Amino acid sequence: MDQTGGTDPGWEDAAVGDRTPVRDVGVRGTIRLGQFLKLSGLVEHGADAKDVVAAGEVTVNGRAETRRGRQLEHGDVVALAGERARVVADEPDS
C-alpha cells in the first residue's frame, strides 16, 4: 500500500521512461492540471505549464494530456521530464 491507502498503479509511463518514484503533493479540494504542475514543482512558471501541456509532454495516469484545465482527482499521477507527482488529499491544520 502507498501513503494514500491505495496501491501504486505501477504503470510504465512513456513520458518518464521507467518506474521512477512518485512524489505525493497535498491538495485541498480540486485542482487543474496547469496549477498542479506549478504547485508540484514540475514546472517553474504558469507559462511553462501552458507550453509543456500544449506540446503533449505531460501525462496523467500514463496517458498524454493536452488540456491544461483538466480537473485532477486524488490519486492521479502526473509525469513530466522524468519526474512523477501524485495528487493526494492535504490534511487541514489542526
N, C-alpha and C. Protein backbone atom coordinates (compact mmCIF):
# COMPACT_ATOMS: atom_id res chain seq x y z
N MET A 1 0.84 -1.19 0.00
CA MET A 1 0.00 0.00 0.00
C MET A 1 0.87 1.24 0.00
N ASP A 2 0.36 2.31 -0.62
CA ASP A 2 1.09 3.57 -0.61
C ASP A 2 0.57 4.46 0.51
N GLN A 3 1.06 5.70 0.58
CA GLN A 3 0.69 6.61 1.66
C GLN A 3 -0.77 7.02 1.62
N THR A 4 -1.45 6.88 0.49
CA THR A 4 -2.85 7.28 0.39
C THR A 4 -3.78 6.13 0.76
N GLY A 5 -3.21 4.96 1.11
CA GLY A 5 -4.02 3.82 1.49
C GLY A 5 -4.35 2.92 0.31
N GLY A 6 -3.97 3.32 -0.88
CA GLY A 6 -4.22 2.51 -2.07
C GLY A 6 -2.95 1.81 -2.49
N THR A 7 -2.97 1.27 -3.67
CA THR A 7 -1.77 0.64 -4.19
C THR A 7 -1.22 1.50 -5.30
N ASP A 8 0.10 1.51 -5.46
CA ASP A 8 0.72 2.26 -6.55
C ASP A 8 0.29 1.63 -7.86
N PRO A 9 -0.24 2.45 -8.80
CA PRO A 9 -0.68 1.88 -10.07
C PRO A 9 0.45 1.19 -10.81
N GLY A 10 1.68 1.65 -10.64
CA GLY A 10 2.84 0.96 -11.15
C GLY A 10 2.95 0.84 -12.65
N TRP A 11 2.25 1.66 -13.42
CA TRP A 11 2.34 1.54 -14.87
C TRP A 11 3.65 2.11 -15.37
N GLU A 12 4.03 1.65 -16.52
CA GLU A 12 5.21 2.18 -17.21
C GLU A 12 4.74 3.43 -17.94
N ASP A 13 5.29 4.57 -17.62
CA ASP A 13 4.88 5.83 -18.22
C ASP A 13 5.89 6.21 -19.29
N ALA A 14 5.45 6.29 -20.54
CA ALA A 14 6.34 6.59 -21.67
C ALA A 14 7.04 7.93 -21.49
N ALA A 15 6.39 8.90 -20.85
CA ALA A 15 7.00 10.22 -20.66
C ALA A 15 8.15 10.16 -19.67
N VAL A 16 8.14 9.17 -18.80
CA VAL A 16 9.18 9.04 -17.79
C VAL A 16 10.23 8.04 -18.25
N GLY A 17 9.81 6.98 -18.91
CA GLY A 17 10.75 6.01 -19.45
C GLY A 17 11.01 4.83 -18.54
N ASP A 18 10.81 5.00 -17.24
CA ASP A 18 10.95 3.87 -16.33
C ASP A 18 10.07 4.12 -15.12
N ARG A 19 10.14 3.22 -14.19
CA ARG A 19 9.29 3.34 -12.99
C ARG A 19 9.99 4.20 -11.95
N THR A 20 9.98 5.49 -12.14
CA THR A 20 10.61 6.41 -11.20
C THR A 20 9.71 6.59 -9.97
N PRO A 21 10.27 7.00 -8.85
CA PRO A 21 9.46 7.23 -7.65
C PRO A 21 8.40 8.30 -7.89
N VAL A 22 7.29 8.17 -7.18
CA VAL A 22 6.21 9.14 -7.27
C VAL A 22 6.23 9.99 -6.00
N ARG A 23 6.27 11.30 -6.19
CA ARG A 23 6.26 12.25 -5.06
C ARG A 23 4.81 12.64 -4.79
N ASP A 24 4.35 12.51 -3.54
CA ASP A 24 2.99 12.91 -3.17
C ASP A 24 2.93 14.41 -2.94
N VAL A 25 1.91 15.07 -3.52
CA VAL A 25 1.71 16.51 -3.36
C VAL A 25 0.31 16.72 -2.81
N GLY A 26 0.23 17.30 -1.60
CA GLY A 26 -1.05 17.52 -0.95
C GLY A 26 -1.84 18.65 -1.60
N VAL A 27 -3.13 18.40 -1.82
CA VAL A 27 -4.03 19.37 -2.46
C VAL A 27 -5.33 19.41 -1.67
N ARG A 28 -5.81 20.60 -1.38
CA ARG A 28 -7.12 20.75 -0.74
C ARG A 28 -8.16 20.97 -1.83
N GLY A 29 -9.16 20.14 -1.86
CA GLY A 29 -10.21 20.26 -2.86
C GLY A 29 -9.72 19.81 -4.23
N THR A 30 -10.21 20.47 -5.27
CA THR A 30 -9.83 20.10 -6.63
C THR A 30 -8.75 21.04 -7.15
N ILE A 31 -8.06 20.58 -8.19
CA ILE A 31 -7.01 21.40 -8.79
C ILE A 31 -6.94 21.07 -10.28
N ARG A 32 -6.62 22.08 -11.07
CA ARG A 32 -6.46 21.88 -12.51
C ARG A 32 -5.01 21.48 -12.81
N LEU A 33 -4.83 20.82 -13.95
CA LEU A 33 -3.51 20.31 -14.32
C LEU A 33 -2.45 21.40 -14.33
N GLY A 34 -2.73 22.54 -14.96
CA GLY A 34 -1.74 23.62 -15.03
C GLY A 34 -1.32 24.10 -13.65
N GLN A 35 -2.29 24.22 -12.73
CA GLN A 35 -1.99 24.65 -11.37
C GLN A 35 -1.15 23.60 -10.64
N PHE A 36 -1.49 22.33 -10.86
CA PHE A 36 -0.76 21.25 -10.18
C PHE A 36 0.68 21.17 -10.66
N LEU A 37 0.91 21.38 -11.94
CA LEU A 37 2.28 21.35 -12.45
C LEU A 37 3.15 22.36 -11.72
N LYS A 38 2.62 23.54 -11.48
CA LYS A 38 3.37 24.58 -10.78
C LYS A 38 3.49 24.26 -9.29
N LEU A 39 2.39 23.86 -8.65
CA LEU A 39 2.40 23.53 -7.22
C LEU A 39 3.38 22.41 -6.91
N SER A 40 3.42 21.41 -7.76
CA SER A 40 4.28 20.24 -7.54
C SER A 40 5.75 20.50 -7.85
N GLY A 41 6.03 21.62 -8.52
CA GLY A 41 7.40 21.94 -8.88
C GLY A 41 7.86 21.27 -10.17
N LEU A 42 6.92 20.65 -10.90
CA LEU A 42 7.29 20.04 -12.18
C LEU A 42 7.61 21.11 -13.21
N VAL A 43 7.04 22.31 -13.06
CA VAL A 43 7.41 23.47 -13.87
C VAL A 43 7.62 24.65 -12.93
N GLU A 44 8.37 25.65 -13.39
CA GLU A 44 8.66 26.80 -12.54
C GLU A 44 7.59 27.89 -12.63
N HIS A 45 7.05 28.11 -13.82
CA HIS A 45 6.09 29.19 -14.05
C HIS A 45 4.84 28.67 -14.73
N GLY A 46 3.72 29.39 -14.54
CA GLY A 46 2.47 29.01 -15.18
C GLY A 46 2.58 28.97 -16.70
N ALA A 47 3.35 29.89 -17.28
CA ALA A 47 3.53 29.91 -18.73
C ALA A 47 4.24 28.65 -19.20
N ASP A 48 5.14 28.12 -18.37
CA ASP A 48 5.82 26.87 -18.70
C ASP A 48 4.82 25.72 -18.75
N ALA A 49 3.87 25.72 -17.82
CA ALA A 49 2.84 24.68 -17.78
C ALA A 49 2.03 24.71 -19.06
N LYS A 50 1.65 25.89 -19.48
CA LYS A 50 0.87 26.03 -20.72
C LYS A 50 1.63 25.43 -21.90
N ASP A 51 2.91 25.73 -21.99
CA ASP A 51 3.73 25.26 -23.12
C ASP A 51 3.90 23.75 -23.13
N VAL A 52 4.25 23.15 -21.97
CA VAL A 52 4.51 21.71 -21.97
C VAL A 52 3.24 20.89 -22.16
N VAL A 53 2.12 21.39 -21.64
CA VAL A 53 0.85 20.69 -21.84
C VAL A 53 0.45 20.76 -23.31
N ALA A 54 0.54 21.95 -23.90
CA ALA A 54 0.18 22.11 -25.31
C ALA A 54 1.05 21.26 -26.23
N ALA A 55 2.30 21.06 -25.83
CA ALA A 55 3.24 20.26 -26.63
C ALA A 55 3.05 18.76 -26.44
N GLY A 56 2.15 18.36 -25.53
CA GLY A 56 1.90 16.94 -25.30
C GLY A 56 2.97 16.26 -24.49
N GLU A 57 3.74 17.03 -23.69
CA GLU A 57 4.84 16.47 -22.92
C GLU A 57 4.41 15.95 -21.54
N VAL A 58 3.16 16.19 -21.16
CA VAL A 58 2.67 15.82 -19.84
C VAL A 58 1.75 14.60 -19.97
N THR A 59 1.88 13.67 -19.02
CA THR A 59 0.94 12.57 -18.96
C THR A 59 0.21 12.59 -17.62
N VAL A 60 -1.02 12.11 -17.64
CA VAL A 60 -1.81 11.92 -16.43
C VAL A 60 -2.22 10.45 -16.42
N ASN A 61 -1.79 9.75 -15.39
CA ASN A 61 -2.07 8.31 -15.27
C ASN A 61 -1.60 7.54 -16.50
N GLY A 62 -0.45 7.94 -17.04
CA GLY A 62 0.16 7.23 -18.14
C GLY A 62 -0.33 7.59 -19.53
N ARG A 63 -1.26 8.56 -19.64
CA ARG A 63 -1.78 8.97 -20.94
C ARG A 63 -1.49 10.45 -21.19
N ALA A 64 -1.08 10.76 -22.41
CA ALA A 64 -0.78 12.15 -22.76
C ALA A 64 -2.01 13.02 -22.53
N GLU A 65 -1.78 14.20 -21.98
CA GLU A 65 -2.88 15.14 -21.70
C GLU A 65 -2.53 16.51 -22.26
N THR A 66 -3.42 17.07 -23.07
CA THR A 66 -3.18 18.38 -23.68
C THR A 66 -4.17 19.44 -23.19
N ARG A 67 -4.96 19.11 -22.17
CA ARG A 67 -5.91 20.08 -21.60
C ARG A 67 -5.35 20.62 -20.28
N ARG A 68 -4.86 21.84 -20.30
CA ARG A 68 -4.28 22.46 -19.11
C ARG A 68 -5.32 22.60 -18.00
N GLY A 69 -6.60 22.74 -18.38
CA GLY A 69 -7.67 22.92 -17.40
C GLY A 69 -8.27 21.63 -16.88
N ARG A 70 -7.71 20.49 -17.25
CA ARG A 70 -8.25 19.21 -16.78
C ARG A 70 -8.28 19.17 -15.26
N GLN A 71 -9.42 18.77 -14.71
CA GLN A 71 -9.55 18.62 -13.26
C GLN A 71 -8.88 17.33 -12.82
N LEU A 72 -7.99 17.43 -11.87
CA LEU A 72 -7.32 16.26 -11.34
C LEU A 72 -8.05 15.77 -10.10
N GLU A 73 -7.98 14.47 -9.87
CA GLU A 73 -8.59 13.86 -8.70
C GLU A 73 -7.50 13.27 -7.82
N HIS A 74 -7.82 13.08 -6.54
CA HIS A 74 -6.86 12.45 -5.63
C HIS A 74 -6.49 11.09 -6.19
N GLY A 75 -5.19 10.82 -6.23
CA GLY A 75 -4.68 9.56 -6.76
C GLY A 75 -4.13 9.68 -8.17
N ASP A 76 -4.48 10.76 -8.90
CA ASP A 76 -3.94 10.95 -10.25
C ASP A 76 -2.43 11.15 -10.17
N VAL A 77 -1.72 10.57 -11.14
CA VAL A 77 -0.26 10.71 -11.21
C VAL A 77 0.09 11.48 -12.47
N VAL A 78 0.80 12.59 -12.28
CA VAL A 78 1.20 13.47 -13.38
C VAL A 78 2.70 13.30 -13.60
N ALA A 79 3.10 13.14 -14.87
CA ALA A 79 4.52 12.95 -15.19
C ALA A 79 4.97 13.96 -16.22
N LEU A 80 6.21 14.42 -16.05
CA LEU A 80 6.84 15.36 -16.98
C LEU A 80 8.35 15.24 -16.82
N ALA A 81 9.04 15.10 -17.91
CA ALA A 81 10.51 15.16 -17.95
C ALA A 81 11.18 14.27 -16.90
N GLY A 82 10.73 13.03 -16.81
CA GLY A 82 11.37 12.09 -15.91
C GLY A 82 10.98 12.19 -14.45
N GLU A 83 9.97 12.99 -14.12
CA GLU A 83 9.51 13.13 -12.74
C GLU A 83 8.02 12.82 -12.69
N ARG A 84 7.59 12.24 -11.54
CA ARG A 84 6.17 11.96 -11.34
C ARG A 84 5.71 12.53 -10.01
N ALA A 85 4.48 13.05 -10.00
CA ALA A 85 3.89 13.57 -8.77
C ALA A 85 2.44 13.10 -8.70
N ARG A 86 2.02 12.69 -7.49
CA ARG A 86 0.67 12.19 -7.28
C ARG A 86 -0.15 13.19 -6.48
N VAL A 87 -1.40 13.40 -6.87
CA VAL A 87 -2.33 14.27 -6.16
C VAL A 87 -2.85 13.49 -4.95
N VAL A 88 -2.64 14.04 -3.74
CA VAL A 88 -3.17 13.43 -2.53
C VAL A 88 -3.91 14.49 -1.73
N ALA A 89 -4.85 14.03 -0.90
CA ALA A 89 -5.63 14.94 -0.06
C ALA A 89 -4.72 15.57 0.98
N ASP A 90 -4.75 16.88 1.07
CA ASP A 90 -3.96 17.61 2.07
C ASP A 90 -4.75 17.66 3.36
N GLU A 91 -4.11 17.29 4.44
CA GLU A 91 -4.77 17.32 5.75
C GLU A 91 -4.84 18.76 6.25
N PRO A 92 -6.02 19.20 6.68
CA PRO A 92 -6.13 20.57 7.22
C PRO A 92 -5.34 20.69 8.52
N ASP A 93 -4.82 21.89 8.78
CA ASP A 93 -4.08 22.14 10.01
C ASP A 93 -5.02 22.09 11.20
N SER A 94 -4.58 21.50 12.29
CA SER A 94 -5.43 21.40 13.50
C SER A 94 -5.18 22.56 14.41
